[in-house]
Amino acid sequence: MKADTRSGTGDPMDGFDTTIHAPNRLRICALLDTAGEAEFAVVQEQLDVSASVLSKHVTVLMEAGYVEQRKAVRNTRQRVWLRLTPGGRQAYQAHLAALRAIVGP
């Protein structure tokens, strides 16, 4: 569940996002924020999780509108590529700001 970021208070904690906060979803967002786009198998390898675990987390992020996927054929096999949506990148950055506000300077 996403934190309400429309309160207009300017409080960094407004950006805390429980959808992103789950450890594997936070790691997915961090990887995609840095990489821009990554193949599903690469994300799976980096997170060291099964395909089904990754798929469940990606589905949650997609349903929130934070991640999108594109399918393409590579070496005669269909591959899935993941990337943050603009809204997903914004939510991730707001979540990072909220975490920094929690832990302090």
Protein backbone atom coordinates (compact mmCIF):
# COMPACT_ATOMS: atom_id res chain seq x y z
CA MET A 1 0.00 0.00 0.00
CA LYS A 2 1.32 3.32 -1.05
CA ALA A 3 1.76 6.17 1.37
CA ASP A 4 -0.27 9.27 0.58
CA THR A 5 2.17 11.67 -1.05
CA ARG A 6 -0.43 14.36 -1.75
CA SER A 7 -0.75 15.82 1.72
CA GLY A 8 1.39 18.79 0.73
CA THR A 9 3.07 18.96 4.15
CA GLY A 10 6.53 18.61 2.69
CA ASP A 11 7.29 15.92 5.24
CA PRO A 12 9.79 13.45 3.70
CA MET A 13 7.95 10.66 5.50
CA ASP A 14 5.03 11.27 3.14
CA GLY A 15 7.07 9.39 0.55
CA PHE A 16 7.33 6.20 2.60
CA ASP A 17 5.83 3.52 0.38
CA THR A 18 4.97 0.12 1.83
CA THR A 19 4.68 -1.37 -1.66
CA ILE A 20 8.31 -0.57 -2.39
CA HIS A 21 9.57 -1.17 1.15
CA ALA A 22 9.45 -4.98 1.05
CA PRO A 23 13.13 -5.98 0.78
CA ASN A 24 13.00 -7.74 -2.58
CA ARG A 25 10.83 -5.02 -4.12
CA LEU A 26 13.19 -2.35 -2.80
CA ARG A 27 16.11 -4.22 -4.37
CA ILE A 28 14.23 -4.55 -7.67
CA CYS A 29 13.57 -0.80 -7.72
CA ALA A 30 17.19 -0.03 -6.82
CA LEU A 31 18.50 -2.25 -9.61
CA LEU A 32 16.10 -0.84 -12.20
CA ASP A 33 16.76 2.74 -11.10
CA THR A 34 20.47 2.20 -11.72
CA ALA A 35 20.24 0.02 -14.82
CA GLY A 36 17.31 1.73 -16.52
CA GLU A 37 16.14 -1.59 -17.91
CA ALA A 38 17.13 -5.16 -17.08
CA GLU A 39 16.26 -8.60 -18.33
CA PHE A 40 14.14 -10.67 -15.92
CA ALA A 41 16.86 -13.34 -15.68
CA VAL A 42 19.49 -10.74 -14.75
CA VAL A 43 17.27 -9.32 -11.99
CA GLN A 44 16.61 -12.86 -10.78
CA GLU A 45 20.33 -13.61 -10.67
CA GLN A 46 21.20 -10.33 -8.92
CA LEU A 47 18.55 -10.87 -6.24
CA ASP A 48 19.31 -14.60 -5.95
CA VAL A 49 15.61 -15.54 -5.90
CA SER A 50 13.54 -18.07 -7.81
CA ALA A 51 11.65 -17.01 -10.92
CA SER A 52 8.34 -17.45 -9.10
CA VAL A 53 9.39 -15.22 -6.19
CA LEU A 54 10.62 -12.53 -8.56
CA SER A 55 7.47 -12.80 -10.65
CA LYS A 56 5.26 -12.25 -7.60
CA HIS A 57 7.19 -9.13 -6.57
CA VAL A 58 7.23 -7.77 -10.11
CA THR A 59 3.48 -8.32 -10.35
CA VAL A 60 2.91 -6.26 -7.20
CA LEU A 61 5.08 -3.46 -8.60
CA MET A 62 3.32 -3.62 -11.96
CA GLU A 63 -0.13 -3.48 -10.34
CA ALA A 64 1.02 -0.36 -8.46
CA GLY A 65 2.09 1.15 -11.78
CA TYR A 66 5.76 1.23 -10.74
CA VAL A 67 7.25 -1.30 -13.16
CA GLU A 68 6.52 -2.16 -16.74
CA GLN A 69 7.71 -5.05 -18.81
CA ARG A 70 8.48 -5.51 -22.44
CA LYS A 71 8.81 -8.81 -24.19
CA ALA A 72 11.31 -9.36 -26.98
CA VAL A 73 12.83 -12.29 -28.79
CA ARG A 74 16.54 -12.75 -28.23
CA ASN A 75 18.49 -15.73 -29.54
CA THR A 76 15.19 -17.33 -30.65
CA ARG A 77 13.83 -17.20 -27.09
CA GLN A 78 11.34 -14.75 -25.71
CA ARG A 79 12.81 -12.58 -22.98
CA VAL A 80 11.15 -10.22 -20.54
CA TRP A 81 12.73 -6.85 -19.82
CA LEU A 82 11.77 -4.77 -16.78
CA ARG A 83 12.01 -1.05 -16.13
CA LEU A 84 10.64 1.51 -13.72
CA THR A 85 7.84 3.70 -14.98
CA PRO A 86 8.26 7.46 -14.46
CA GLY A 87 5.82 7.17 -11.54
CA GLY A 88 7.76 4.20 -10.19
CA ARG A 89 11.03 6.13 -10.32
CA GLN A 90 9.39 9.06 -8.53
CA ALA A 91 7.90 6.78 -5.85
CA TYR A 92 11.26 5.03 -5.38
CA GLN A 93 13.10 8.35 -4.98
CA ALA A 94 10.45 9.57 -2.50
CA HIS A 95 10.79 6.32 -0.57
CA LEU A 96 14.56 6.75 -0.40
CA ALA A 97 14.08 10.28 0.94
CA ALA A 98 11.73 8.92 3.59
CA LEU A 99 14.27 6.27 4.61
CA ARG A 100 16.97 8.91 4.85
CA ALA A 101 14.66 11.00 7.05
CA ILE A 102 14.22 8.01 9.35
CA VAL A 103 17.92 7.24 9.74
CA GLY A 104 19.07 10.86 9.78
CA PRO A 105 22.13 12.45 8.22
